[in-house]
Amino acid sequence: MKAGLRAAVWMGSAALAVAALAGEEWTPLFNGKDLEGWKATGGKWTVEDGCLLGQQDNGKVGDLWTTKEFDNFELRFTYKVVWPANSGIWYRGTSYQFDILKYKSPLAYSGSLYCPACRTTFIFVNLDESLENRDGWNEGRVYANGDHLIHWLNGKQVGECHDKTGAKGKIGIQIHGGDFGGGMKIFLKKIELRPLKEGDPPPKTPEAS
């Protein structure tokens, strides 16, 4: 093998190794097969065609929680929803939620940061409904490091804040209670997390998954 070709092969192998290491930083929270690592506290949760499916059960609220707790991390997930719906991804327990909804008062769309302990309900809101593909798949992303929180929806930053309501807790998926005609569903085909060290900066532009 010529020297130039050997160098090219080595460089290609090195690039693949780097890519593999970067990929290993993300830990799947959903294995695509069953609910291992999760525990339900209401709602109907199944796995269909490699997707995690959550449905309302008799109009009652239901949550599905990881069995582990996390503090500083980046979280990304791919979802689609059968509307009308009100759902979301909890993090640090019930401290915060990446909301998945269409809310009227106050006006808020998916990607808004819901904080039950806050007097304003939302810490920040997404006012651009067009960021979400309401008929297909979307990618949500959360950066949570110390009190620094950021949400992205489909690669667009929705909001950023500093808040000390919660520092650690489980990741959860919510099916909101109420009358949604019995047809509310949320599908997730990927939920991944990578831990952060305190002070690790957020990505300027989150890479495509």
N, C-alpha and C. Protein backbone atom coordinates (compact mmCIF):
# COMPACT_ATOMS: atom_id res chain seq x y z
N MET A 1 0.85 -1.20 0.00
CA MET A 1 0.00 0.00 0.00
C MET A 1 0.88 1.24 0.00
N LYS A 2 0.56 2.18 -0.85
CA LYS A 2 1.36 3.38 -0.92
C LYS A 2 1.19 4.23 0.33
N ALA A 3 2.23 5.03 0.59
CA ALA A 3 2.22 5.85 1.83
C ALA A 3 1.01 6.78 1.87
N GLY A 4 0.73 7.42 0.72
CA GLY A 4 -0.40 8.37 0.70
C GLY A 4 -1.72 7.68 0.99
N LEU A 5 -1.89 6.46 0.42
CA LEU A 5 -3.11 5.71 0.65
C LEU A 5 -3.20 5.26 2.10
N ARG A 6 -2.04 4.80 2.65
CA ARG A 6 -2.04 4.39 4.06
C ARG A 6 -2.43 5.55 4.96
N ALA A 7 -1.91 6.73 4.65
CA ALA A 7 -2.24 7.92 5.46
C ALA A 7 -3.72 8.22 5.38
N ALA A 8 -4.28 8.11 4.18
CA ALA A 8 -5.71 8.41 3.99
C ALA A 8 -6.57 7.42 4.77
N VAL A 9 -6.17 6.12 4.70
CA VAL A 9 -6.91 5.11 5.44
C VAL A 9 -6.83 5.37 6.93
N TRP A 10 -5.60 5.70 7.43
CA TRP A 10 -5.44 5.99 8.85
C TRP A 10 -6.29 7.17 9.28
N MET A 11 -6.27 8.23 8.44
CA MET A 11 -7.05 9.42 8.79
C MET A 11 -8.53 9.10 8.81
N GLY A 12 -8.96 8.28 7.84
CA GLY A 12 -10.36 7.89 7.84
C GLY A 12 -10.73 7.09 9.07
N SER A 13 -9.85 6.16 9.46
CA SER A 13 -10.08 5.36 10.66
C SER A 13 -10.11 6.23 11.90
N ALA A 14 -9.21 7.21 11.96
CA ALA A 14 -9.17 8.11 13.11
C ALA A 14 -10.46 8.92 13.21
N ALA A 15 -10.93 9.38 12.04
CA ALA A 15 -12.17 10.16 12.03
C ALA A 15 -13.34 9.32 12.52
N LEU A 16 -13.39 8.03 12.06
CA LEU A 16 -14.45 7.15 12.51
C LEU A 16 -14.36 6.90 14.00
N ALA A 17 -13.13 6.77 14.52
CA ALA A 17 -12.94 6.55 15.95
C ALA A 17 -13.44 7.73 16.76
N VAL A 18 -13.11 8.93 16.27
CA VAL A 18 -13.58 10.15 16.96
C VAL A 18 -15.09 10.21 16.95
N ALA A 19 -15.68 9.90 15.78
CA ALA A 19 -17.14 9.92 15.67
C ALA A 19 -17.76 8.90 16.62
N ALA A 20 -17.13 7.72 16.71
CA ALA A 20 -17.66 6.68 17.60
C ALA A 20 -17.60 7.13 19.05
N LEU A 21 -16.48 7.75 19.43
CA LEU A 21 -16.36 8.24 20.80
C LEU A 21 -17.41 9.30 21.10
N ALA A 22 -17.63 10.21 20.12
CA ALA A 22 -18.63 11.26 20.32
C ALA A 22 -20.01 10.65 20.47
N GLY A 23 -20.28 9.59 19.66
CA GLY A 23 -21.58 8.95 19.74
C GLY A 23 -21.79 8.26 21.08
N GLU A 24 -20.71 7.74 21.67
CA GLU A 24 -20.82 7.03 22.93
C GLU A 24 -21.14 7.96 24.09
N GLU A 25 -20.96 9.24 23.89
CA GLU A 25 -21.29 10.18 24.95
C GLU A 25 -22.79 10.19 25.24
N TRP A 26 -23.59 9.87 24.24
CA TRP A 26 -25.05 9.86 24.40
C TRP A 26 -25.49 8.49 24.86
N THR A 27 -26.26 8.45 25.93
CA THR A 27 -26.78 7.20 26.47
C THR A 27 -28.27 7.09 26.18
N PRO A 28 -28.70 6.06 25.47
CA PRO A 28 -30.14 5.88 25.23
C PRO A 28 -30.88 5.61 26.54
N LEU A 29 -31.96 6.31 26.77
CA LEU A 29 -32.81 6.04 27.93
C LEU A 29 -33.94 5.08 27.57
N PHE A 30 -34.22 4.95 26.27
CA PHE A 30 -35.25 4.04 25.76
C PHE A 30 -34.57 3.07 24.79
N ASN A 31 -34.76 1.77 25.02
CA ASN A 31 -34.04 0.78 24.23
C ASN A 31 -34.76 0.35 22.95
N GLY A 32 -35.96 0.90 22.70
CA GLY A 32 -36.70 0.57 21.49
C GLY A 32 -37.43 -0.75 21.53
N LYS A 33 -37.36 -1.46 22.68
CA LYS A 33 -37.97 -2.78 22.77
C LYS A 33 -39.00 -2.91 23.89
N ASP A 34 -38.68 -2.33 25.04
CA ASP A 34 -39.58 -2.47 26.18
C ASP A 34 -39.37 -1.28 27.13
N LEU A 35 -39.97 -1.36 28.30
CA LEU A 35 -39.93 -0.24 29.25
C LEU A 35 -38.88 -0.45 30.34
N GLU A 36 -37.84 -1.19 30.03
CA GLU A 36 -36.75 -1.37 30.99
C GLU A 36 -36.14 -0.02 31.34
N GLY A 37 -35.98 0.22 32.64
CA GLY A 37 -35.42 1.49 33.10
C GLY A 37 -36.46 2.57 33.33
N TRP A 38 -37.74 2.21 33.17
CA TRP A 38 -38.84 3.17 33.34
C TRP A 38 -39.90 2.61 34.28
N LYS A 39 -40.65 3.50 34.93
CA LYS A 39 -41.74 3.09 35.81
C LYS A 39 -42.91 4.05 35.63
N ALA A 40 -44.09 3.49 35.38
CA ALA A 40 -45.29 4.30 35.14
C ALA A 40 -46.00 4.63 36.44
N THR A 41 -46.56 5.85 36.49
CA THR A 41 -47.42 6.25 37.61
C THR A 41 -48.73 6.76 37.03
N GLY A 42 -49.35 5.92 36.20
CA GLY A 42 -50.60 6.30 35.54
C GLY A 42 -50.41 6.38 34.03
N GLY A 43 -51.52 6.39 33.31
CA GLY A 43 -51.45 6.42 31.85
C GLY A 43 -51.25 5.04 31.28
N LYS A 44 -51.29 4.94 29.96
CA LYS A 44 -51.08 3.67 29.25
C LYS A 44 -49.80 3.80 28.44
N TRP A 45 -48.82 2.94 28.71
CA TRP A 45 -47.51 3.03 28.08
C TRP A 45 -47.15 1.70 27.46
N THR A 46 -46.89 1.73 26.16
CA THR A 46 -46.54 0.53 25.42
C THR A 46 -45.41 0.84 24.45
N VAL A 47 -44.87 -0.20 23.83
CA VAL A 47 -43.86 -0.05 22.79
C VAL A 47 -44.43 -0.65 21.52
N GLU A 48 -44.49 0.16 20.45
CA GLU A 48 -45.03 -0.29 19.18
C GLU A 48 -44.09 0.11 18.05
N ASP A 49 -43.68 -0.87 17.27
CA ASP A 49 -42.80 -0.63 16.12
C ASP A 49 -41.56 0.18 16.51
N GLY A 50 -40.98 -0.15 17.65
CA GLY A 50 -39.77 0.51 18.10
C GLY A 50 -39.98 1.88 18.71
N CYS A 51 -41.23 2.30 18.88
CA CYS A 51 -41.54 3.61 19.47
C CYS A 51 -42.22 3.44 20.82
N LEU A 52 -41.91 4.35 21.72
CA LEU A 52 -42.58 4.43 23.01
C LEU A 52 -43.88 5.21 22.82
N LEU A 53 -44.99 4.60 23.17
CA LEU A 53 -46.31 5.21 22.98
C LEU A 53 -46.97 5.47 24.33
N GLY A 54 -47.38 6.72 24.55
CA GLY A 54 -48.12 7.08 25.75
C GLY A 54 -49.52 7.53 25.38
N GLN A 55 -50.53 7.02 26.12
CA GLN A 55 -51.92 7.38 25.88
C GLN A 55 -52.60 7.69 27.21
N GLN A 56 -53.60 8.53 27.12
CA GLN A 56 -54.38 8.86 28.30
C GLN A 56 -55.21 7.66 28.73
N ASP A 57 -55.42 7.52 30.00
CA ASP A 57 -56.21 6.41 30.55
C ASP A 57 -57.37 6.98 31.36
N ASN A 58 -58.58 6.92 30.79
CA ASN A 58 -59.79 7.39 31.47
C ASN A 58 -59.72 8.87 31.85
N GLY A 59 -59.05 9.67 31.03
CA GLY A 59 -59.02 11.11 31.26
C GLY A 59 -58.11 11.56 32.37
N LYS A 60 -57.32 10.65 32.94
CA LYS A 60 -56.48 10.98 34.08
C LYS A 60 -55.05 11.27 33.64
N VAL A 61 -54.36 12.07 34.44
CA VAL A 61 -52.96 12.35 34.17
C VAL A 61 -52.13 11.09 34.40
N GLY A 62 -51.09 10.94 33.61
CA GLY A 62 -50.20 9.79 33.78
C GLY A 62 -48.78 10.16 33.42
N ASP A 63 -47.83 9.61 34.16
CA ASP A 63 -46.42 9.89 33.90
C ASP A 63 -45.64 8.58 33.81
N LEU A 64 -44.58 8.61 33.02
CA LEU A 64 -43.64 7.51 32.93
C LEU A 64 -42.27 8.06 33.31
N TRP A 65 -41.63 7.43 34.31
CA TRP A 65 -40.41 7.99 34.88
C TRP A 65 -39.22 7.05 34.71
N THR A 66 -38.04 7.63 34.52
CA THR A 66 -36.83 6.83 34.59
C THR A 66 -36.63 6.37 36.02
N THR A 67 -35.96 5.25 36.17
CA THR A 67 -35.67 4.77 37.52
C THR A 67 -34.43 5.45 38.10
N LYS A 68 -33.66 6.13 37.25
CA LYS A 68 -32.47 6.84 37.69
C LYS A 68 -32.71 8.34 37.73
N GLU A 69 -31.89 9.04 38.51
CA GLU A 69 -31.94 10.49 38.60
C GLU A 69 -30.73 11.10 37.91
N PHE A 70 -30.90 12.33 37.43
CA PHE A 70 -29.84 13.03 36.70
C PHE A 70 -29.79 14.48 37.16
N ASP A 71 -28.59 15.07 37.11
CA ASP A 71 -28.46 16.46 37.52
C ASP A 71 -28.08 17.36 36.35
N ASN A 72 -26.84 17.28 35.86
CA ASN A 72 -26.39 18.15 34.77
C ASN A 72 -26.25 17.33 33.49
N PHE A 73 -26.91 17.76 32.43
CA PHE A 73 -26.98 16.93 31.23
C PHE A 73 -27.50 17.72 30.03
N GLU A 74 -27.33 17.09 28.87
CA GLU A 74 -28.07 17.44 27.67
C GLU A 74 -29.01 16.28 27.38
N LEU A 75 -30.22 16.60 27.01
CA LEU A 75 -31.23 15.59 26.71
C LEU A 75 -31.79 15.88 25.33
N ARG A 76 -31.93 14.85 24.50
CA ARG A 76 -32.58 15.05 23.20
C ARG A 76 -33.54 13.90 22.97
N PHE A 77 -34.64 14.23 22.32
CA PHE A 77 -35.69 13.24 22.11
C PHE A 77 -36.44 13.57 20.82
N THR A 78 -36.91 12.53 20.15
CA THR A 78 -37.65 12.68 18.91
C THR A 78 -39.08 12.22 19.15
N TYR A 79 -40.04 13.09 18.84
CA TYR A 79 -41.44 12.80 19.19
C TYR A 79 -42.40 13.23 18.09
N LYS A 80 -43.58 12.65 18.13
CA LYS A 80 -44.72 13.17 17.38
C LYS A 80 -45.97 12.95 18.21
N VAL A 81 -46.99 13.76 17.94
CA VAL A 81 -48.17 13.79 18.80
C VAL A 81 -49.42 13.69 17.94
N VAL A 82 -50.43 13.00 18.49
CA VAL A 82 -51.77 13.02 17.90
C VAL A 82 -52.55 14.10 18.62
N TRP A 83 -52.95 15.13 17.88
CA TRP A 83 -53.60 16.30 18.47
C TRP A 83 -55.13 16.14 18.45
N PRO A 84 -55.84 16.86 19.37
CA PRO A 84 -55.35 17.79 20.39
C PRO A 84 -54.67 17.03 21.52
N ALA A 85 -53.72 17.72 22.15
CA ALA A 85 -52.93 17.05 23.17
C ALA A 85 -52.28 18.05 24.11
N ASN A 86 -51.87 17.53 25.25
CA ASN A 86 -51.08 18.29 26.21
C ASN A 86 -50.14 17.29 26.87
N SER A 87 -48.87 17.40 26.54
CA SER A 87 -47.89 16.44 27.03
C SER A 87 -46.60 17.19 27.34
N GLY A 88 -45.54 16.46 27.60
CA GLY A 88 -44.27 17.12 27.87
C GLY A 88 -43.25 16.17 28.44
N ILE A 89 -42.02 16.65 28.50
CA ILE A 89 -40.90 15.89 29.04
C ILE A 89 -40.44 16.55 30.34
N TRP A 90 -40.66 15.86 31.44
CA TRP A 90 -40.19 16.35 32.74
C TRP A 90 -38.68 16.16 32.85
N TYR A 91 -38.03 17.03 33.60
CA TYR A 91 -36.65 16.77 33.98
C TYR A 91 -36.38 17.39 35.35
N ARG A 92 -35.40 16.76 36.03
CA ARG A 92 -35.16 17.06 37.44
C ARG A 92 -36.47 16.89 38.23
N GLY A 93 -37.06 15.72 38.00
CA GLY A 93 -38.35 15.43 38.63
C GLY A 93 -39.43 16.32 38.05
N THR A 94 -40.28 16.84 38.92
CA THR A 94 -41.35 17.74 38.46
C THR A 94 -40.94 19.21 38.57
N SER A 95 -39.63 19.46 38.60
CA SER A 95 -39.17 20.86 38.66
C SER A 95 -39.43 21.58 37.35
N TYR A 96 -39.14 20.90 36.23
CA TYR A 96 -39.23 21.56 34.92
C TYR A 96 -39.83 20.60 33.90
N GLN A 97 -40.43 21.22 32.87
CA GLN A 97 -40.96 20.41 31.78
C GLN A 97 -40.78 21.13 30.44
N PHE A 98 -40.25 20.38 29.48
CA PHE A 98 -40.27 20.81 28.08
C PHE A 98 -41.68 20.51 27.61
N ASP A 99 -42.51 21.55 27.53
CA ASP A 99 -43.92 21.35 27.25
C ASP A 99 -44.15 21.01 25.79
N ILE A 100 -45.13 20.13 25.55
CA ILE A 100 -45.57 19.79 24.20
C ILE A 100 -47.06 20.04 24.18
N LEU A 101 -47.46 21.17 23.61
CA LEU A 101 -48.84 21.61 23.75
C LEU A 101 -49.13 22.82 22.84
N LYS A 102 -50.38 23.19 22.84
CA LYS A 102 -50.83 24.45 22.25
C LYS A 102 -51.74 25.08 23.29
N TYR A 103 -51.21 26.11 23.97
CA TYR A 103 -51.88 26.69 25.14
C TYR A 103 -52.35 28.10 24.80
N LYS A 104 -53.50 28.47 25.34
CA LYS A 104 -54.10 29.76 24.97
C LYS A 104 -53.84 30.87 25.99
N SER A 105 -53.83 30.52 27.28
CA SER A 105 -53.72 31.58 28.27
C SER A 105 -52.82 31.14 29.43
N PRO A 106 -51.55 31.59 29.44
CA PRO A 106 -50.91 32.47 28.45
C PRO A 106 -50.58 31.70 27.18
N LEU A 107 -50.42 32.43 26.08
CA LEU A 107 -50.13 31.80 24.82
C LEU A 107 -48.77 31.09 24.89
N ALA A 108 -48.75 29.81 24.53
CA ALA A 108 -47.51 29.03 24.60
C ALA A 108 -47.63 27.82 23.69
N TYR A 109 -46.55 27.56 22.96
CA TYR A 109 -46.49 26.40 22.08
C TYR A 109 -45.36 25.47 22.55
N SER A 110 -45.26 24.34 21.89
CA SER A 110 -44.28 23.33 22.28
C SER A 110 -42.86 23.91 22.37
N GLY A 111 -42.14 23.44 23.37
CA GLY A 111 -40.80 23.96 23.63
C GLY A 111 -40.76 24.93 24.79
N SER A 112 -41.92 25.38 25.24
CA SER A 112 -41.98 26.29 26.39
C SER A 112 -41.49 25.58 27.65
N LEU A 113 -40.96 26.35 28.59
CA LEU A 113 -40.45 25.80 29.84
C LEU A 113 -41.49 25.98 30.94
N TYR A 114 -42.14 24.89 31.29
CA TYR A 114 -43.15 24.88 32.35
C TYR A 114 -42.48 24.57 33.67
N CYS A 115 -42.82 25.37 34.67
CA CYS A 115 -42.26 25.19 36.02
C CYS A 115 -43.41 25.28 37.02
N PRO A 116 -43.90 24.14 37.54
CA PRO A 116 -45.06 24.17 38.44
C PRO A 116 -44.90 25.06 39.65
N ALA A 117 -43.65 25.24 40.11
CA ALA A 117 -43.43 26.03 41.31
C ALA A 117 -43.39 27.54 41.04
N CYS A 118 -43.37 27.92 39.76
CA CYS A 118 -43.26 29.34 39.42
C CYS A 118 -44.63 30.00 39.36
N ARG A 119 -44.71 31.21 39.83
CA ARG A 119 -45.98 31.93 39.84
C ARG A 119 -46.48 32.22 38.43
N THR A 120 -45.56 32.34 37.48
CA THR A 120 -45.92 32.67 36.10
C THR A 120 -46.24 31.43 35.26
N THR A 121 -46.22 30.24 35.86
CA THR A 121 -46.49 28.97 35.17
C THR A 121 -45.34 28.59 34.24
N PHE A 122 -45.02 29.46 33.29
CA PHE A 122 -43.91 29.22 32.37
C PHE A 122 -42.76 30.17 32.70
N ILE A 123 -41.54 29.66 32.65
CA ILE A 123 -40.37 30.53 32.81
C ILE A 123 -40.11 31.26 31.50
N PHE A 124 -40.21 30.53 30.39
CA PHE A 124 -40.20 31.17 29.07
C PHE A 124 -41.13 30.37 28.15
N VAL A 125 -41.59 31.03 27.10
CA VAL A 125 -42.55 30.40 26.21
C VAL A 125 -42.09 30.47 24.75
N ASN A 126 -42.53 29.52 23.99
CA ASN A 126 -42.37 29.55 22.54
C ASN A 126 -43.62 30.18 21.95
N LEU A 127 -43.45 31.28 21.22
CA LEU A 127 -44.58 31.97 20.60
C LEU A 127 -44.65 31.71 19.10
N ASP A 128 -43.76 30.85 18.59
CA ASP A 128 -43.72 30.57 17.15
C ASP A 128 -44.24 29.15 16.89
N GLU A 129 -45.51 29.05 16.57
CA GLU A 129 -46.13 27.75 16.36
C GLU A 129 -45.51 27.00 15.19
N SER A 130 -44.95 27.73 14.23
CA SER A 130 -44.41 27.10 13.02
C SER A 130 -43.13 26.29 13.27
N LEU A 131 -42.52 26.42 14.45
CA LEU A 131 -41.32 25.66 14.75
C LEU A 131 -41.60 24.16 14.82
N GLU A 132 -42.84 23.80 15.11
CA GLU A 132 -43.19 22.40 15.30
C GLU A 132 -43.89 21.84 14.07
N ASN A 133 -43.50 20.63 13.71
CA ASN A 133 -44.20 19.88 12.67
C ASN A 133 -45.34 19.12 13.33
N ARG A 134 -46.52 19.65 13.24
CA ARG A 134 -47.65 19.07 13.97
C ARG A 134 -48.15 17.77 13.32
N ASP A 135 -47.70 17.48 12.13
CA ASP A 135 -48.13 16.26 11.44
C ASP A 135 -47.04 15.19 11.38
N GLY A 136 -45.89 15.46 11.98
CA GLY A 136 -44.79 14.50 11.87
C GLY A 136 -43.86 14.56 13.06
N TRP A 137 -42.61 14.15 12.83
CA TRP A 137 -41.62 14.03 13.89
C TRP A 137 -40.92 15.36 14.17
N ASN A 138 -40.57 15.53 15.43
CA ASN A 138 -39.86 16.72 15.91
C ASN A 138 -38.74 16.28 16.85
N GLU A 139 -37.70 17.14 16.94
CA GLU A 139 -36.65 16.88 17.93
C GLU A 139 -36.61 18.00 18.96
N GLY A 140 -36.79 17.61 20.21
CA GLY A 140 -36.62 18.53 21.32
C GLY A 140 -35.27 18.32 21.95
N ARG A 141 -34.74 19.38 22.55
CA ARG A 141 -33.43 19.28 23.19
C ARG A 141 -33.39 20.19 24.41
N VAL A 142 -32.75 19.69 25.46
CA VAL A 142 -32.65 20.42 26.73
C VAL A 142 -31.20 20.44 27.17
N TYR A 143 -30.74 21.62 27.58
CA TYR A 143 -29.45 21.77 28.26
C TYR A 143 -29.77 22.18 29.69
N ALA A 144 -29.30 21.39 30.66
CA ALA A 144 -29.52 21.71 32.07
C ALA A 144 -28.21 21.52 32.81
N ASN A 145 -27.58 22.62 33.19
CA ASN A 145 -26.30 22.56 33.88
C ASN A 145 -26.32 23.58 35.00
N GLY A 146 -26.33 23.08 36.24
CA GLY A 146 -26.52 24.01 37.35
C GLY A 146 -27.88 24.68 37.22
N ASP A 147 -27.90 26.01 37.30
CA ASP A 147 -29.16 26.73 37.17
C ASP A 147 -29.38 27.24 35.74
N HIS A 148 -28.52 26.83 34.81
CA HIS A 148 -28.60 27.30 33.42
C HIS A 148 -29.42 26.31 32.60
N LEU A 149 -30.52 26.79 32.03
CA LEU A 149 -31.45 25.94 31.28
C LEU A 149 -31.71 26.52 29.90
N ILE A 150 -31.68 25.65 28.87
CA ILE A 150 -31.96 26.07 27.50
C ILE A 150 -32.83 25.00 26.83
N HIS A 151 -33.79 25.44 26.02
CA HIS A 151 -34.59 24.53 25.21
C HIS A 151 -34.40 24.84 23.73
N TRP A 152 -34.35 23.76 22.91
CA TRP A 152 -34.38 23.89 21.46
C TRP A 152 -35.51 23.04 20.91
N LEU A 153 -36.11 23.49 19.83
CA LEU A 153 -37.10 22.69 19.11
C LEU A 153 -36.72 22.69 17.64
N ASN A 154 -36.44 21.50 17.13
CA ASN A 154 -36.03 21.33 15.73
C ASN A 154 -34.86 22.25 15.35
N GLY A 155 -33.88 22.31 16.27
CA GLY A 155 -32.66 23.06 16.02
C GLY A 155 -32.74 24.54 16.29
N LYS A 156 -33.90 25.04 16.67
CA LYS A 156 -34.09 26.47 16.94
C LYS A 156 -34.17 26.69 18.44
N GLN A 157 -33.33 27.58 18.97
CA GLN A 157 -33.39 27.87 20.40
C GLN A 157 -34.68 28.59 20.73
N VAL A 158 -35.41 28.04 21.69
CA VAL A 158 -36.69 28.60 22.11
C VAL A 158 -36.53 29.59 23.25
N GLY A 159 -35.69 29.24 24.21
CA GLY A 159 -35.52 30.11 25.36
C GLY A 159 -34.35 29.68 26.22
N GLU A 160 -33.94 30.60 27.11
CA GLU A 160 -32.79 30.37 27.98
C GLU A 160 -33.03 31.11 29.29
N CYS A 161 -32.60 30.51 30.40
CA CYS A 161 -32.82 31.17 31.69
C CYS A 161 -31.85 30.61 32.72
N HIS A 162 -31.86 31.24 33.89
CA HIS A 162 -31.17 30.74 35.06
C HIS A 162 -32.22 30.60 36.17
N ASP A 163 -32.35 29.40 36.70
CA ASP A 163 -33.38 29.14 37.71
C ASP A 163 -32.89 28.04 38.64
N LYS A 164 -33.20 28.17 39.94
CA LYS A 164 -32.71 27.23 40.94
C LYS A 164 -33.82 26.39 41.56
N THR A 165 -34.94 26.24 40.86
CA THR A 165 -36.04 25.46 41.43
C THR A 165 -35.64 24.02 41.71
N GLY A 166 -34.95 23.38 40.77
CA GLY A 166 -34.57 21.98 40.95
C GLY A 166 -33.16 21.73 40.45
N ALA A 167 -32.43 20.83 41.15
CA ALA A 167 -31.05 20.54 40.77
C ALA A 167 -30.83 19.12 40.30
N LYS A 168 -31.74 18.20 40.67
CA LYS A 168 -31.56 16.80 40.31
C LYS A 168 -32.89 16.08 40.38
N GLY A 169 -33.04 15.07 39.53
CA GLY A 169 -34.27 14.29 39.57
C GLY A 169 -34.39 13.39 38.36
N LYS A 170 -35.52 12.71 38.27
CA LYS A 170 -35.77 11.78 37.19
C LYS A 170 -36.23 12.49 35.93
N ILE A 171 -36.09 11.80 34.80
CA ILE A 171 -36.67 12.23 33.53
C ILE A 171 -38.03 11.58 33.42
N GLY A 172 -39.02 12.33 32.96
CA GLY A 172 -40.37 11.78 32.86
C GLY A 172 -41.08 12.21 31.60
N ILE A 173 -42.08 11.45 31.21
CA ILE A 173 -42.94 11.77 30.08
C ILE A 173 -44.35 11.90 30.62
N GLN A 174 -45.02 13.00 30.29
CA GLN A 174 -46.35 13.26 30.84
C GLN A 174 -47.44 13.10 29.79
N ILE A 175 -48.52 12.49 30.23
CA ILE A 175 -49.80 12.55 29.52
C ILE A 175 -50.74 13.34 30.42
N HIS A 176 -51.16 14.52 29.96
CA HIS A 176 -51.97 15.40 30.80
C HIS A 176 -53.39 14.88 30.93
N GLY A 177 -53.98 15.11 32.07
CA GLY A 177 -55.37 14.76 32.27
C GLY A 177 -56.30 15.73 31.55
N GLY A 178 -57.59 15.37 31.45
CA GLY A 178 -58.57 16.24 30.82
C GLY A 178 -59.23 15.59 29.63
N ASP A 179 -60.16 16.32 29.03
CA ASP A 179 -60.94 15.79 27.91
C ASP A 179 -60.25 16.10 26.59
N PHE A 180 -59.63 15.09 26.01
CA PHE A 180 -59.00 15.24 24.70
C PHE A 180 -59.64 14.28 23.70
N GLY A 181 -60.88 13.88 23.97
CA GLY A 181 -61.57 13.00 23.06
C GLY A 181 -61.05 11.58 23.07
N GLY A 182 -60.24 11.25 24.05
CA GLY A 182 -59.72 9.90 24.16
C GLY A 182 -58.68 9.54 23.13
N GLY A 183 -58.25 10.53 22.32
CA GLY A 183 -57.33 10.20 21.25
C GLY A 183 -55.94 10.74 21.40
N MET A 184 -55.64 11.36 22.55
CA MET A 184 -54.32 11.95 22.73
C MET A 184 -53.25 10.88 22.81
N LYS A 185 -52.22 11.02 21.99
CA LYS A 185 -51.10 10.08 21.99
C LYS A 185 -49.80 10.84 21.78
N ILE A 186 -48.74 10.32 22.38
CA ILE A 186 -47.41 10.82 22.10
C ILE A 186 -46.52 9.62 21.78
N PHE A 187 -45.78 9.73 20.70
CA PHE A 187 -44.83 8.70 20.29
C PHE A 187 -43.42 9.26 20.45
N LEU A 188 -42.53 8.46 20.99
CA LEU A 188 -41.12 8.83 21.08
C LEU A 188 -40.30 7.69 20.50
N LYS A 189 -39.46 7.99 19.53
CA LYS A 189 -38.64 6.93 18.96
C LYS A 189 -37.19 7.02 19.43
N LYS A 190 -36.86 8.08 20.13
CA LYS A 190 -35.50 8.21 20.68
C LYS A 190 -35.52 9.14 21.87
N ILE A 191 -34.86 8.72 22.94
CA ILE A 191 -34.64 9.57 24.12
C ILE A 191 -33.21 9.30 24.56
N GLU A 192 -32.36 10.31 24.48
CA GLU A 192 -30.94 10.14 24.79
C GLU A 192 -30.46 11.24 25.72
N LEU A 193 -29.49 10.90 26.55
CA LEU A 193 -28.94 11.85 27.51
C LEU A 193 -27.43 11.72 27.54
N ARG A 194 -26.75 12.85 27.68
CA ARG A 194 -25.32 12.79 27.96
C ARG A 194 -25.02 13.69 29.16
N PRO A 195 -24.27 13.15 30.12
CA PRO A 195 -23.98 13.93 31.32
C PRO A 195 -23.02 15.06 31.02
N LEU A 196 -23.13 16.11 31.81
CA LEU A 196 -22.25 17.27 31.70
C LEU A 196 -21.52 17.48 33.03
N LYS A 197 -20.34 18.04 32.93
CA LYS A 197 -19.65 18.51 34.12
C LYS A 197 -20.07 19.94 34.38
N GLU A 198 -20.07 20.32 35.64
CA GLU A 198 -20.46 21.69 35.97
C GLU A 198 -19.56 22.67 35.23
N GLY A 199 -20.18 23.61 34.54
CA GLY A 199 -19.44 24.59 33.78
C GLY A 199 -19.29 24.26 32.31
N ASP A 200 -19.62 23.01 31.89
CA ASP A 200 -19.57 22.68 30.47
C ASP A 200 -20.53 23.61 29.72
N PRO A 201 -20.04 24.30 28.69
CA PRO A 201 -20.89 25.26 27.99
C PRO A 201 -21.93 24.57 27.11
N PRO A 202 -23.03 25.23 26.82
CA PRO A 202 -24.02 24.67 25.91
C PRO A 202 -23.53 24.69 24.47
N PRO A 203 -24.04 23.84 23.62
CA PRO A 203 -23.66 23.88 22.20
C PRO A 203 -24.20 25.15 21.55
N LYS A 204 -23.41 25.77 20.71
CA LYS A 204 -23.88 26.97 20.01
C LYS A 204 -24.98 26.60 19.01
N THR A 205 -24.74 25.51 18.29
CA THR A 205 -25.74 24.98 17.37
C THR A 205 -25.79 23.49 17.56
N PRO A 206 -26.83 22.96 18.20
CA PRO A 206 -26.89 21.51 18.43
C PRO A 206 -26.79 20.74 17.14
N GLU A 207 -25.94 19.70 17.14
CA GLU A 207 -25.78 18.91 15.93
C GLU A 207 -27.00 18.06 15.69
N ALA A 208 -27.21 17.71 14.42
CA ALA A 208 -28.32 16.84 14.08
C ALA A 208 -28.08 15.46 14.67
N SER A 209 -29.12 14.80 15.10
CA SER A 209 -28.98 13.48 15.71
C SER A 209 -28.99 12.41 14.65
